[in-house]
N, C-alpha and C. Protein backbone atom coordinates (compact mmCIF):
# COMPACT_ATOMS: atom_id res chain seq x y z
N MET A 1 6.31 -3.75 2.72
CA MET A 1 6.56 -5.01 3.38
C MET A 1 5.39 -5.39 4.29
N ILE A 2 4.75 -4.40 4.84
CA ILE A 2 3.60 -4.67 5.69
C ILE A 2 2.47 -5.25 4.86
N ALA A 3 2.28 -4.73 3.65
CA ALA A 3 1.23 -5.23 2.77
C ALA A 3 1.48 -6.68 2.37
N LYS A 4 2.73 -7.07 2.31
CA LYS A 4 3.09 -8.45 1.96
C LYS A 4 3.19 -9.35 3.20
N ASN A 5 2.77 -8.82 4.35
CA ASN A 5 2.77 -9.55 5.62
C ASN A 5 4.18 -9.94 6.08
N ARG A 6 5.14 -9.10 5.76
CA ARG A 6 6.52 -9.32 6.22
C ARG A 6 6.80 -8.32 7.33
N LEU A 7 6.13 -8.53 8.45
CA LEU A 7 6.14 -7.56 9.55
C LEU A 7 7.50 -7.45 10.22
N ASP A 8 8.18 -8.58 10.40
CA ASP A 8 9.48 -8.54 11.07
C ASP A 8 10.51 -7.78 10.23
N GLU A 9 10.49 -8.00 8.93
CA GLU A 9 11.42 -7.28 8.06
C GLU A 9 11.10 -5.78 8.05
N ALA A 10 9.82 -5.45 8.05
CA ALA A 10 9.43 -4.04 8.09
C ALA A 10 9.89 -3.39 9.39
N HIS A 11 9.77 -4.12 10.48
CA HIS A 11 10.21 -3.61 11.79
C HIS A 11 11.71 -3.34 11.78
N GLU A 12 12.47 -4.30 11.28
CA GLU A 12 13.93 -4.14 11.23
C GLU A 12 14.32 -2.96 10.35
N LEU A 13 13.67 -2.82 9.22
CA LEU A 13 13.99 -1.74 8.29
C LEU A 13 13.66 -0.38 8.90
N LEU A 14 12.51 -0.28 9.54
CA LEU A 14 12.13 0.99 10.17
C LEU A 14 13.07 1.34 11.32
N MET A 15 13.49 0.35 12.08
CA MET A 15 14.44 0.60 13.17
C MET A 15 15.78 1.08 12.60
N LYS A 16 16.20 0.48 11.49
CA LYS A 16 17.47 0.85 10.85
C LYS A 16 17.42 2.31 10.40
N TYR A 17 16.33 2.70 9.74
CA TYR A 17 16.24 4.08 9.25
C TYR A 17 15.99 5.07 10.38
N ALA A 18 15.35 4.65 11.43
CA ALA A 18 15.19 5.53 12.58
C ALA A 18 16.55 5.83 13.21
N LYS A 19 17.38 4.80 13.29
CA LYS A 19 18.72 4.99 13.85
C LYS A 19 19.55 5.90 12.95
N ARG A 20 19.41 5.70 11.63
CA ARG A 20 20.16 6.51 10.67
C ARG A 20 19.74 7.98 10.74
N ASN A 21 18.46 8.23 11.00
CA ASN A 21 17.95 9.60 11.09
C ASN A 21 18.02 10.17 12.51
N ARG A 22 18.65 9.43 13.39
CA ARG A 22 18.83 9.85 14.79
C ARG A 22 17.51 10.08 15.50
N VAL A 23 16.55 9.17 15.27
CA VAL A 23 15.25 9.23 15.92
C VAL A 23 15.19 8.08 16.90
N THR A 24 14.80 8.36 18.13
CA THR A 24 14.69 7.30 19.11
C THR A 24 13.25 6.82 19.19
N ILE A 25 13.09 5.53 19.10
CA ILE A 25 11.76 4.91 19.21
C ILE A 25 11.94 3.54 19.84
N GLU A 26 11.00 3.20 20.71
CA GLU A 26 11.07 1.90 21.37
C GLU A 26 10.68 0.81 20.38
N SER A 27 11.38 -0.28 20.45
CA SER A 27 11.15 -1.40 19.54
C SER A 27 9.76 -1.99 19.72
N THR A 28 9.33 -2.15 20.96
CA THR A 28 8.02 -2.73 21.22
C THR A 28 6.90 -1.81 20.75
N GLN A 29 7.10 -0.51 20.91
CA GLN A 29 6.10 0.46 20.49
C GLN A 29 5.94 0.44 18.96
N LEU A 30 7.04 0.33 18.25
CA LEU A 30 7.00 0.28 16.80
C LEU A 30 6.35 -1.01 16.33
N LYS A 31 6.69 -2.12 16.97
CA LYS A 31 6.10 -3.41 16.60
C LYS A 31 4.59 -3.39 16.81
N HIS A 32 4.15 -2.79 17.91
CA HIS A 32 2.72 -2.69 18.20
C HIS A 32 2.03 -1.81 17.14
N ALA A 33 2.66 -0.71 16.74
CA ALA A 33 2.09 0.17 15.73
C ALA A 33 1.96 -0.54 14.38
N ILE A 34 2.94 -1.34 14.01
CA ILE A 34 2.90 -2.10 12.76
C ILE A 34 1.76 -3.10 12.79
N GLN A 35 1.60 -3.81 13.92
CA GLN A 35 0.53 -4.79 14.04
C GLN A 35 -0.84 -4.13 13.97
N GLU A 36 -1.00 -2.99 14.62
CA GLU A 36 -2.27 -2.27 14.59
C GLU A 36 -2.59 -1.79 13.17
N PHE A 37 -1.57 -1.32 12.46
CA PHE A 37 -1.76 -0.89 11.09
C PHE A 37 -2.22 -2.05 10.21
N LYS A 38 -1.62 -3.20 10.40
CA LYS A 38 -1.99 -4.39 9.62
C LYS A 38 -3.42 -4.82 9.93
N LYS A 39 -3.80 -4.80 11.20
CA LYS A 39 -5.17 -5.16 11.58
C LYS A 39 -6.19 -4.22 10.93
N GLU A 40 -5.88 -2.93 10.94
CA GLU A 40 -6.77 -1.93 10.35
C GLU A 40 -6.88 -2.14 8.84
N GLU A 41 -5.77 -2.48 8.21
CA GLU A 41 -5.78 -2.73 6.76
C GLU A 41 -6.66 -3.93 6.42
N VAL A 42 -6.55 -5.00 7.19
CA VAL A 42 -7.36 -6.19 6.96
C VAL A 42 -8.83 -5.88 7.19
N ARG A 43 -9.13 -5.13 8.23
CA ARG A 43 -10.50 -4.76 8.54
C ARG A 43 -11.11 -3.93 7.41
N ASN A 44 -10.36 -2.97 6.88
CA ASN A 44 -10.85 -2.14 5.78
C ASN A 44 -11.04 -2.95 4.51
N ARG A 45 -10.15 -3.88 4.26
CA ARG A 45 -10.25 -4.71 3.06
C ARG A 45 -11.50 -5.57 3.12
N ASN A 46 -11.83 -6.10 4.29
CA ASN A 46 -13.02 -6.94 4.42
C ASN A 46 -14.30 -6.13 4.30
N GLU A 47 -14.29 -4.89 4.77
CA GLU A 47 -15.48 -4.05 4.71
C GLU A 47 -15.75 -3.57 3.28
N ASN A 48 -14.72 -3.39 2.48
CA ASN A 48 -14.87 -2.82 1.15
C ASN A 48 -15.15 -3.86 0.07
N ARG A 49 -15.26 -5.11 0.44
CA ARG A 49 -15.55 -6.15 -0.55
C ARG A 49 -16.98 -6.04 -1.02
N LYS A 50 -17.17 -6.02 -2.33
CA LYS A 50 -18.50 -5.95 -2.89
C LYS A 50 -18.58 -7.01 -3.98
N THR A 51 -19.67 -7.73 -4.00
CA THR A 51 -19.86 -8.73 -5.03
C THR A 51 -20.69 -8.11 -6.15
N TYR A 52 -20.37 -8.48 -7.36
CA TYR A 52 -21.05 -7.95 -8.52
C TYR A 52 -21.84 -9.07 -9.19
N GLY A 53 -22.94 -8.71 -9.79
CA GLY A 53 -23.78 -9.68 -10.47
C GLY A 53 -24.07 -9.25 -11.89
N ILE A 54 -24.96 -9.98 -12.53
CA ILE A 54 -25.31 -9.70 -13.92
C ILE A 54 -26.02 -8.36 -14.05
N THR A 55 -26.71 -7.94 -13.01
CA THR A 55 -27.41 -6.66 -13.09
C THR A 55 -26.44 -5.48 -13.20
N ASP A 56 -25.24 -5.63 -12.67
CA ASP A 56 -24.25 -4.57 -12.77
C ASP A 56 -23.72 -4.43 -14.19
N VAL A 57 -23.76 -5.50 -14.97
CA VAL A 57 -23.27 -5.46 -16.34
C VAL A 57 -24.25 -4.73 -17.25
N VAL A 58 -25.52 -4.80 -16.95
CA VAL A 58 -26.54 -4.19 -17.81
C VAL A 58 -27.20 -2.97 -17.16
N ARG A 59 -26.57 -2.41 -16.18
CA ARG A 59 -27.15 -1.29 -15.44
C ARG A 59 -27.23 -0.01 -16.27
N THR A 60 -26.18 0.34 -16.97
CA THR A 60 -26.18 1.57 -17.76
C THR A 60 -26.28 1.24 -19.24
N PRO A 61 -26.78 2.15 -20.04
CA PRO A 61 -26.91 1.88 -21.48
C PRO A 61 -25.58 1.58 -22.16
N LYS A 62 -24.53 2.26 -21.75
CA LYS A 62 -23.21 2.03 -22.36
C LYS A 62 -22.71 0.62 -22.06
N LEU A 63 -22.83 0.19 -20.80
CA LEU A 63 -22.41 -1.17 -20.44
C LEU A 63 -23.29 -2.21 -21.11
N ARG A 64 -24.58 -1.93 -21.21
CA ARG A 64 -25.52 -2.84 -21.86
C ARG A 64 -25.11 -3.05 -23.32
N LYS A 65 -24.80 -1.96 -24.00
CA LYS A 65 -24.39 -2.03 -25.40
C LYS A 65 -23.11 -2.85 -25.56
N ARG A 66 -22.13 -2.58 -24.72
CA ARG A 66 -20.86 -3.30 -24.80
C ARG A 66 -21.04 -4.78 -24.49
N THR A 67 -21.90 -5.10 -23.54
CA THR A 67 -22.15 -6.50 -23.19
C THR A 67 -22.79 -7.24 -24.36
N ILE A 68 -23.76 -6.61 -25.01
CA ILE A 68 -24.43 -7.24 -26.16
C ILE A 68 -23.45 -7.45 -27.31
N ILE A 69 -22.61 -6.45 -27.58
CA ILE A 69 -21.61 -6.57 -28.64
C ILE A 69 -20.63 -7.69 -28.34
N CYS A 70 -20.15 -7.76 -27.11
CA CYS A 70 -19.21 -8.82 -26.73
C CYS A 70 -19.88 -10.19 -26.83
N GLY A 71 -21.15 -10.25 -26.48
CA GLY A 71 -21.88 -11.52 -26.58
C GLY A 71 -22.01 -12.00 -28.02
N PHE A 72 -22.28 -11.09 -28.93
CA PHE A 72 -22.38 -11.47 -30.36
C PHE A 72 -21.01 -11.84 -30.92
N ASN A 73 -19.97 -11.13 -30.52
CA ASN A 73 -18.63 -11.45 -31.01
C ASN A 73 -18.09 -12.76 -30.48
N TRP A 74 -18.56 -13.15 -29.33
CA TRP A 74 -18.08 -14.37 -28.70
C TRP A 74 -18.63 -15.54 -29.44
């Protein structure tokens, strides 16, 4: 749910299961932890973005061969 940006639903669900497992946790502390986790996920996603170009398609001999074959078949 956190990945789908449904933070409130994730908070409610975690609180429900914490109560069921007899674990005490403050609501504000859990909400803060969820928000921090989401921020870290967004930060990591932005850092790991890499753009690819035509040089990546012809970098290795195997990819070069497949690209040429696909080009002729097209």
